[in-house]
C-alpha atoms as a PDB file:
ATOM      1  CA  MET A   1     -14.818  13.137  19.337  1.00  0.00           C
ATOM      2  CA  SER A   2     -12.305  13.713  16.566  1.00  0.00           C
ATOM      3  CA  ARG A   3     -11.648  12.855  12.972  1.00  0.00           C
ATOM      4  CA  ARG A   4      -8.373  11.358  11.877  1.00  0.00           C
ATOM      5  CA  PRO A   5      -5.850  13.404   9.867  1.00  0.00           C
ATOM      6  CA  ASP A   6      -6.513  13.052   6.128  1.00  0.00           C
ATOM      7  CA  VAL A   7      -3.193  11.505   5.190  1.00  0.00           C
ATOM      8  CA  PRO A   8      -2.277   8.258   3.450  1.00  0.00           C
ATOM      9  CA  GLY A   9      -1.003   5.381   5.532  1.00  0.00           C
ATOM     10  CA  ALA A  10       2.722   4.711   5.570  1.00  0.00           C
ATOM     11  CA  ARG A  11       4.117   1.723   7.404  1.00  0.00           C
ATOM     12  CA  ARG A  12       2.074  -0.480   9.660  1.00  0.00           C
ATOM     13  CA  ALA A  13       2.982  -0.466  13.348  1.00  0.00           C
ATOM     14  CA  ARG A  14       2.575  -3.735  15.241  1.00  0.00           C
ATOM     15  CA  ALA A  15       0.015  -3.674  18.050  1.00  0.00           C
ATOM     16  CA  PHE A  16       0.550  -5.962  20.998  1.00  0.00           C
ATOM     17  CA  ARG A  17      -1.894  -8.027  22.992  1.00  0.00           C
ATOM     18  CA  VAL A  18      -2.437  -7.723  26.725  1.00  0.00           C
ATOM     19  CA  SER A  19      -4.052 -10.111  29.129  1.00  0.00           C
ATOM     20  CA  ARG A  20      -7.786  -9.942  29.690  1.00  0.00           C
ATOM     21  CA  LEU A  21      -6.914  -9.344  33.346  1.00  0.00           C
ATOM     22  CA  SER A  22      -7.163  -5.708  34.329  1.00  0.00           C
ATOM     23  CA  CYS A  23      -4.054  -3.559  34.650  1.00  0.00           C
ATOM     24  CA  ARG A  24      -4.798  -3.274  38.370  1.00  0.00           C
ATOM     25  CA  SER A  25      -4.476  -7.066  38.602  1.00  0.00           C
ATOM     26  CA  ALA A  26      -1.201  -6.877  36.713  1.00  0.00           C
ATOM     27  CA  LEU A  27       0.072  -4.336  39.226  1.00  0.00           C
ATOM     28  CA  VAL A  28      -0.022  -7.000  41.931  1.00  0.00           C
ATOM     29  CA  ARG A  29       2.396  -9.107  39.874  1.00  0.00           C
ATOM     30  CA  SER A  30       4.612  -6.323  38.537  1.00  0.00           C
ATOM     31  CA  ARG A  31       5.680  -3.142  40.307  1.00  0.00           C
ATOM     32  CA  SER A  32       7.836  -1.866  37.480  1.00  0.00           C
ATOM     33  CA  PRO A  33       7.004   1.269  35.520  1.00  0.00           C
ATOM     34  CA  MET A  34       7.293   4.850  31.114  1.00  0.00           C
ATOM     35  CA  ARG A  35       8.368   8.601  30.545  1.00  0.00           C
ATOM     36  CA  SER A  36       6.752  10.081  27.453  1.00  0.00           C
ATOM     37  CA  GLU A  37       7.868  10.117  23.828  1.00  0.00           C
ATOM     38  CA  VAL A  38       8.825  13.781  23.779  1.00  0.00           C
ATOM     39  CA  GLY A  39      10.354  16.047  21.127  1.00  0.00           C
ATOM     40  CA  LEU A  40      11.854  19.257  19.699  1.00  0.00           C
ATOM     41  CA  GLY A  41      11.249  22.246  17.511  1.00  0.00           C
ATOM     42  CA  GLU A  42       9.870  25.759  17.439  1.00  0.00           C
ATOM     43  CA  PRO A  43       6.293  26.452  18.586  1.00  0.00           C
ATOM     44  CA  ALA A  44       3.711  25.525  15.988  1.00  0.00           C
ATOM     45  CA  ALA A  45       1.394  28.249  14.734  1.00  0.00           C
ATOM     46  CA  ARG A  46      -1.567  29.233  16.901  1.00  0.00           C
ATOM     47  CA  ALA A  47      -4.523  26.989  16.087  1.00  0.00           C
ATOM     48  CA  ARG A  48      -7.839  28.211  14.717  1.00  0.00           C
ATOM     49  CA  SER A  49     -10.228  25.645  16.075  1.00  0.00           C
ATOM     50  CA  ARG A  50     -13.952  25.555  16.616  1.00  0.00           C
ATOM     51  CA  HIS A  51     -13.085  25.660  20.344  1.00  0.00           C
ATOM     52  CA  PRO A  52     -11.458  28.969  21.389  1.00  0.00           C
ATOM     53  CA  VAL A  53      -7.771  28.519  22.155  1.00  0.00           C
ATOM     54  CA  PRO A  54      -6.968  29.676  25.697  1.00  0.00           C
ATOM     55  CA  PRO A  55      -5.367  33.144  25.829  1.00  0.00           C
ATOM     56  CA  ALA A  56      -1.807  33.708  27.035  1.00  0.00           C
ATOM     57  CA  GLY A  57      -1.481  32.967  30.722  1.00  0.00           C
ATOM     58  CA  HIS A  58      -4.466  30.590  30.775  1.00  0.00           C
ATOM     59  CA  GLY A  59      -2.281  27.530  31.180  1.00  0.00           C
ATOM     60  CA  LEU A  60      -2.630  24.088  29.607  1.00  0.00           C
ATOM     61  CA  ALA A  61      -5.342  22.545  27.465  1.00  0.00           C
ATOM     62  CA  CYS A  62      -5.837  19.430  25.319  1.00  0.00           C
ATOM     63  CA  ARG A  63      -8.270  19.141  22.412  1.00  0.00           C
ATOM     64  CA  PRO A  64      -8.893  16.908  19.404  1.00  0.00           C
ATOM     65  CA  ALA A  65      -7.361  18.147  16.157  1.00  0.00           C
ATOM     66  CA  ARG A  66     -10.581  18.676  14.200  1.00  0.00           C
ATOM     67  CA  SER A  67      -9.829  21.266  11.530  1.00  0.00           C
ATOM     68  CA  ALA A  68      -7.375  20.920   8.646  1.00  0.00           C
ATOM     69  CA  ILE A  69      -5.105  23.501  10.313  1.00  0.00           C
ATOM     70  CA  GLU A  70      -5.150  21.599  13.594  1.00  0.00           C
ATOM     71  CA  ARG A  71      -4.428  18.284  11.884  1.00  0.00           C
ATOM     72  CA  THR A  72      -1.494  19.891  10.092  1.00  0.00           C
ATOM     73  CA  GLU A  73      -0.172  21.208  13.403  1.00  0.00           C
ATOM     74  CA  HIS A  74      -0.543  17.769  14.957  1.00  0.00           C
ATOM     75  CA  LEU A  75       1.406  16.088  12.152  1.00  0.00           C
ATOM     76  CA  THR A  76       4.034  18.841  12.053  1.00  0.00           C
ATOM     77  CA  ILE A  77       4.837  18.474  15.753  1.00  0.00           C
ATOM     78  CA  ARG A  78       5.079  14.695  15.385  1.00  0.00           C
ATOM     79  CA  HIS A  79       7.430  15.073  12.423  1.00  0.00           C
ATOM     80  CA  GLN A  80       9.664  17.517  14.275  1.00  0.00           C
ATOM     81  CA  VAL A  81       9.962  15.172  17.229  1.00  0.00           C
ATOM     82  CA  PHE A  82      10.012  11.647  15.813  1.00  0.00           C
ATOM     83  CA  VAL A  83      11.686  12.302  12.444  1.00  0.00           C
ATOM     84  CA  ASP A  84      13.819  15.439  12.731  1.00  0.00           C
ATOM     85  CA  GLU A  85      14.907  15.222  16.367  1.00  0.00           C
ATOM     86  CA  GLN A  86      14.770  11.625  17.541  1.00  0.00           C
ATOM     87  CA  ALA A  87      15.148   9.900  14.137  1.00  0.00           C
ATOM     88  CA  VAL A  88      12.755   7.177  15.318  1.00  0.00           C
ATOM     89  CA  PHE A  89      11.266   7.153  11.813  1.00  0.00           C
ATOM     90  CA  ALA A  90      12.988   7.845   8.501  1.00  0.00           C
ATOM     91  CA  GLY A  91      11.175  10.410   6.397  1.00  0.00           C
ATOM     92  CA  SER A  92       7.725  10.151   7.991  1.00  0.00           C
ATOM     93  CA  ASP A  93       6.039   8.809  11.128  1.00  0.00           C
ATOM     94  CA  LEU A  94       2.682   8.376   9.377  1.00  0.00           C
ATOM     95  CA  ASP A  95       1.084   4.930   9.340  1.00  0.00           C
ATOM     96  CA  PHE A  96      -2.239   3.337   8.444  1.00  0.00           C
ATOM     97  CA  ARG A  97      -3.790   4.465  11.751  1.00  0.00           C
ATOM     98  CA  ASP A  98      -3.656   8.073  10.556  1.00  0.00           C
ATOM     99  CA  GLY A  99      -6.105   7.187   7.805  1.00  0.00           C
ATOM    100  CA  GLU A 100      -8.714   5.526  10.017  1.00  0.00           C
ATOM    101  CA  GLU A 101     -11.929   7.262  11.067  1.00  0.00           C
ATOM    102  CA  SER A 102     -11.677   5.853  14.593  1.00  0.00           C
ATOM    103  CA  THR A 103      -8.247   7.388  15.266  1.00  0.00           C
ATOM    104  CA  ILE A 104      -8.279  10.458  17.510  1.00  0.00           C
ATOM    105  CA  ALA A 105      -5.474  12.985  17.018  1.00  0.00           C
ATOM    106  CA  VAL A 106      -4.972  15.364  19.959  1.00  0.00           C
ATOM    107  CA  LEU A 107      -3.134  18.667  20.395  1.00  0.00           C
ATOM    108  CA  GLY A 108      -1.741  19.960  23.678  1.00  0.00           C
ATOM    109  CA  TYR A 109      -1.615  23.732  24.211  1.00  0.00           C
ATOM    110  CA  SER A 110       0.579  25.839  26.477  1.00  0.00           C
ATOM    111  CA  ASP A 111      -0.717  29.404  26.823  1.00  0.00           C
ATOM    112  CA  GLY A 112      -2.641  29.026  23.592  1.00  0.00           C
ATOM    113  CA  ILE A 113       0.227  27.621  21.509  1.00  0.00           C
ATOM    114  CA  ALA A 114       0.065  24.088  20.103  1.00  0.00           C
ATOM    115  CA  VAL A 115       3.158  22.392  21.507  1.00  0.00           C
ATOM    116  CA  GLY A 116       2.336  18.695  21.950  1.00  0.00           C
ATOM    117  CA  THR A 117       0.479  15.724  20.519  1.00  0.00           C
ATOM    118  CA  VAL A 118      -0.912  12.322  21.352  1.00  0.00           C
ATOM    119  CA  ARG A 119      -2.860   9.828  19.258  1.00  0.00           C
ATOM    120  CA  LEU A 120      -5.297   7.108  20.301  1.00  0.00           C
ATOM    121  CA  PHE A 121      -7.269   4.413  18.496  1.00  0.00           C
ATOM    122  CA  PRO A 122      -9.269   1.257  19.296  1.00  0.00           C
ATOM    123  CA  LEU A 123      -7.579  -2.131  18.982  1.00  0.00           C
ATOM    124  CA  ASP A 124     -10.613  -4.235  19.916  1.00  0.00           C
ATOM    125  CA  LEU A 125     -13.990  -2.594  20.450  1.00  0.00           C
ATOM    126  CA  VAL A 126     -15.512  -5.792  21.854  1.00  0.00           C
ATOM    127  CA  ASP A 127     -12.891  -6.076  24.604  1.00  0.00           C
ATOM    128  CA  GLY A 128     -12.640  -2.287  24.935  1.00  0.00           C
ATOM    129  CA  ARG A 129      -8.882  -2.225  24.224  1.00  0.00           C
ATOM    130  CA  TRP A 130      -7.366   1.059  23.000  1.00  0.00           C
ATOM    131  CA  GLN A 131      -3.821   2.077  22.188  1.00  0.00           C
ATOM    132  CA  GLY A 132      -2.130   5.420  22.745  1.00  0.00           C
ATOM    133  CA  ASP A 133       0.997   6.590  20.912  1.00  0.00           C
ATOM    134  CA  ARG A 134       2.741   9.534  19.213  1.00  0.00           C
ATOM    135  CA  LEU A 135       3.069  11.395  22.515  1.00  0.00           C
ATOM    136  CA  ALA A 136       5.362  14.323  21.719  1.00  0.00           C
ATOM    137  CA  VAL A 137       6.180  17.740  23.172  1.00  0.00           C
ATOM    138  CA  LEU A 138       8.319  20.358  21.449  1.00  0.00           C
ATOM    139  CA  SER A 139      11.670  20.696  23.218  1.00  0.00           C
ATOM    140  CA  ALA A 140      11.193  24.340  24.185  1.00  0.00           C
ATOM    141  CA  TYR A 141       8.048  23.404  26.157  1.00  0.00           C
ATOM    142  CA  ARG A 142       9.088  20.240  27.974  1.00  0.00           C
ATOM    143  CA  THR A 143       9.258  22.016  31.302  1.00  0.00           C
ATOM    144  CA  HIS A 144       5.703  23.365  30.942  1.00  0.00           C
ATOM    145  CA  GLY A 145       4.013  20.167  32.151  1.00  0.00           C
ATOM    146  CA  VAL A 146       2.146  19.419  28.913  1.00  0.00           C
ATOM    147  CA  GLY A 147       2.929  15.692  28.806  1.00  0.00           C
ATOM    148  CA  GLY A 148       0.865  14.701  31.830  1.00  0.00           C
ATOM    149  CA  PRO A 149      -2.373  16.339  30.626  1.00  0.00           C
ATOM    150  CA  LEU A 150      -1.894  14.815  27.163  1.00  0.00           C
ATOM    151  CA  VAL A 151      -1.633  11.316  28.647  1.00  0.00           C
ATOM    152  CA  ARG A 152      -4.598  11.930  30.945  1.00  0.00           C
ATOM    153  CA  TYR A 153      -6.636  13.246  28.029  1.00  0.00           C
ATOM    154  CA  ALA A 154      -5.891  10.163  25.915  1.00  0.00           C
ATOM    155  CA  VAL A 155      -6.892   7.875  28.777  1.00  0.00           C
ATOM    156  CA  ALA A 156     -10.072   9.834  29.441  1.00  0.00           C
ATOM    157  CA  ALA A 157     -11.018  10.085  25.747  1.00  0.00           C
ATOM    158  CA  ALA A 158     -10.722   6.316  25.340  1.00  0.00           C
ATOM    159  CA  GLY A 159     -12.840   5.820  28.464  1.00  0.00           C
ATOM    160  CA  ALA A 160     -15.432   8.267  27.161  1.00  0.00           C
ATOM    161  CA  HIS A 161     -15.703   6.099  24.042  1.00  0.00           C
ATOM    162  CA  GLY A 162     -16.486   3.051  26.136  1.00  0.00           C
ATOM    163  CA  GLY A 163     -12.963   1.636  26.364  1.00  0.00           C
ATOM    164  CA  ARG A 164     -11.853  -0.507  29.285  1.00  0.00           C
ATOM    165  CA  THR A 165      -8.061  -0.728  28.879  1.00  0.00           C
ATOM    166  CA  MET A 166      -5.377   1.304  27.108  1.00  0.00           C
ATOM    167  CA  VAL A 167      -1.967  -0.006  26.065  1.00  0.00           C
ATOM    168  CA  ALA A 168       1.155   1.774  24.816  1.00  0.00           C
ATOM    169  CA  HIS A 169       4.755   1.112  23.782  1.00  0.00           C
ATOM    170  CA  ILE A 170       6.965   3.222  26.074  1.00  0.00           C
ATOM    171  CA  GLN A 171      10.580   4.238  25.660  1.00  0.00           C
ATOM    172  CA  PRO A 172      12.566   2.933  28.660  1.00  0.00           C
ATOM    173  CA  ALA A 173      13.509   6.419  29.864  1.00  0.00           C
ATOM    174  CA  ASN A 174       9.809   7.309  30.109  1.00  0.00           C
ATOM    175  CA  VAL A 175       8.602   4.371  32.204  1.00  0.00           C
ATOM    176  CA  ALA A 176       8.756   6.219  35.549  1.00  0.00           C
ATOM    177  CA  PHE A 177       6.707   9.112  34.143  1.00  0.00           C
ATOM    178  CA  PHE A 178       3.915   6.785  33.078  1.00  0.00           C
ATOM    179  CA  ARG A 179       4.014   4.887  36.329  1.00  0.00           C
ATOM    180  CA  ARG A 180       3.325   8.126  38.205  1.00  0.00           C
ATOM    181  CA  LEU A 181       0.238   8.489  36.001  1.00  0.00           C
ATOM    182  CA  GLY A 182      -1.047   5.045  37.013  1.00  0.00           C
ATOM    183  CA  TRP A 183       0.310   2.867  34.194  1.00  0.00           C
ATOM    184  CA  VAL A 184       1.880  -0.564  34.784  1.00  0.00           C
ATOM    185  CA  ARG A 185       4.082  -2.880  32.749  1.00  0.00           C
ATOM    186  CA  ALA A 186       2.335  -5.349  30.440  1.00  0.00           C
ATOM    187  CA  GLY A 187       4.983  -7.890  29.549  1.00  0.00           C
ATOM    188  CA  GLU A 188       8.655  -7.858  28.665  1.00  0.00           C
ATOM    189  CA  SER A 189      10.540  -5.152  26.796  1.00  0.00           C
ATOM    190  CA  GLU A 190      10.306  -5.457  23.008  1.00  0.00           C
ATOM    191  CA  VAL A 191      11.420  -3.728  19.837  1.00  0.00           C
ATOM    192  CA  TYR A 192       8.919  -1.204  18.455  1.00  0.00           C
ATOM    193  CA  ALA A 193       9.728   1.130  15.549  1.00  0.00           C
ATOM    194  CA  GLY A 194      13.252  -0.297  15.651  1.00  0.00           C
ATOM    195  CA  LEU A 195      13.930   0.750  19.260  1.00  0.00           C
ATOM    196  CA  PRO A 196      13.490  -0.888  22.687  1.00  0.00           C
ATOM    197  CA  HIS A 197      10.099  -0.150  24.229  1.00  0.00           C
ATOM    198  CA  GLN A 198       8.272  -1.321  27.329  1.00  0.00           C
ATOM    199  CA  PRO A 199       4.647  -2.388  26.814  1.00  0.00           C
ATOM    200  CA  MET A 200       2.456  -0.739  29.455  1.00  0.00           C
ATOM    201  CA  CYS A 201      -1.267  -0.534  30.178  1.00  0.00           C
ATOM    202  CA  ILE A 202      -3.835   1.243  32.318  1.00  0.00           C
ATOM    203  CA  ASP A 203      -7.458   0.587  33.272  1.00  0.00           C
ATOM    204  CA  LEU A 204      -9.735   3.267  31.830  1.00  0.00           C
ATOM    205  CA  PRO A 205     -12.132   5.293  33.999  1.00  0.00           C
ATOM    206  CA  PRO A 206     -15.933   4.898  33.824  1.00  0.00           C
ATOM    207  CA  ARG A 207     -17.573   6.931  31.076  1.00  0.00           C
ATOM    208  CA  SER A 208     -19.013   9.612  33.365  1.00  0.00           C
ATOM    209  CA  GLU A 209     -15.667  10.209  35.050  1.00  0.00           C
ATOM    210  CA  ALA A 210     -13.866  10.117  31.702  1.00  0.00           C
ATOM    211  CA  LEU A 211     -16.209  12.714  30.179  1.00  0.00           C
ATOM    212  CA  ALA A 212     -15.654  15.037  33.139  1.00  0.00           C
ATOM    213  CA  THR A 213     -11.883  14.789  32.674  1.00  0.00           C
ATOM    214  CA  VAL A 214     -12.155  15.395  28.932  1.00  0.00           C
ATOM    215  CA  ARG A 215     -14.242  18.534  29.500  1.00  0.00           C
ATOM    216  CA  ARG A 216     -11.895  19.817  32.212  1.00  0.00           C
ATOM    217  CA  LEU A 217      -8.806  19.414  30.033  1.00  0.00           C
ATOM    218  CA  GLU A 218     -10.508  20.890  26.973  1.00  0.00           C
ATOM    219  CA  ASP A 219     -11.525  23.937  29.035  1.00  0.00           C
ATOM    220  CA  GLY A 220      -7.950  24.316  30.261  1.00  0.00           C
ATOM    221  CA  VAL A 221      -6.113  23.857  33.537  1.00  0.00           C
ATOM    222  CA  THR A 222      -3.500  25.934  35.302  1.00  0.00           C
ATOM    223  CA  GLY A 223      -0.198  24.719  36.630  1.00  0.00           C
ATOM    224  CA  PRO A 224       2.146  22.051  35.259  1.00  0.00           C
ATOM    225  CA  GLY A 225       0.863  18.528  34.786  1.00  0.00           C
ATOM    226  CA  GLN A 226      -2.631  19.078  36.208  1.00  0.00           C
END
């Protein structure tokens, strides 16, 4: 669905394990919730992708960052959020996942402008475990409802690739946001990238349903968080 950004790996982020039980089973044991990892900056330049970017007024869309320009936009937004604004990483948020063919980098658009990102990659193809991270939205667009579609797109894209479960490290302030999107806690809070995070997970949709969601979000939706 997407190629990874052509950048060298930086520091290795630790992936966590989840139970082989489904996230729906975990929900019976734990009713606790994740908001997103969001960020700042000016709008990135309008993308020139092989898919036409929706015109002004079209609403929200999510698409893989395929071209060199799109990959640059993806990395620029991440840097603005995680390095410049939040100081989660010093100097760069790049890691070895950015150099892997299986990593999918995604851009979120608001009225045709690239304003958000998410990244997903397989942890275990046999078990169908995927991880999502680098969810970021430029500060000027955080009321536009881009975060929800980005999370839904990541979940659907992993399902379309045959995944069964997705996990993520969530900042404590974002837990409620992810819970509203169907995620549940997957263990105790832990330190990730030097900051407290809550491991969370979600069961992925069947491939046919996932593909339909991917197509819908790539075509564009109207209204916040659809």
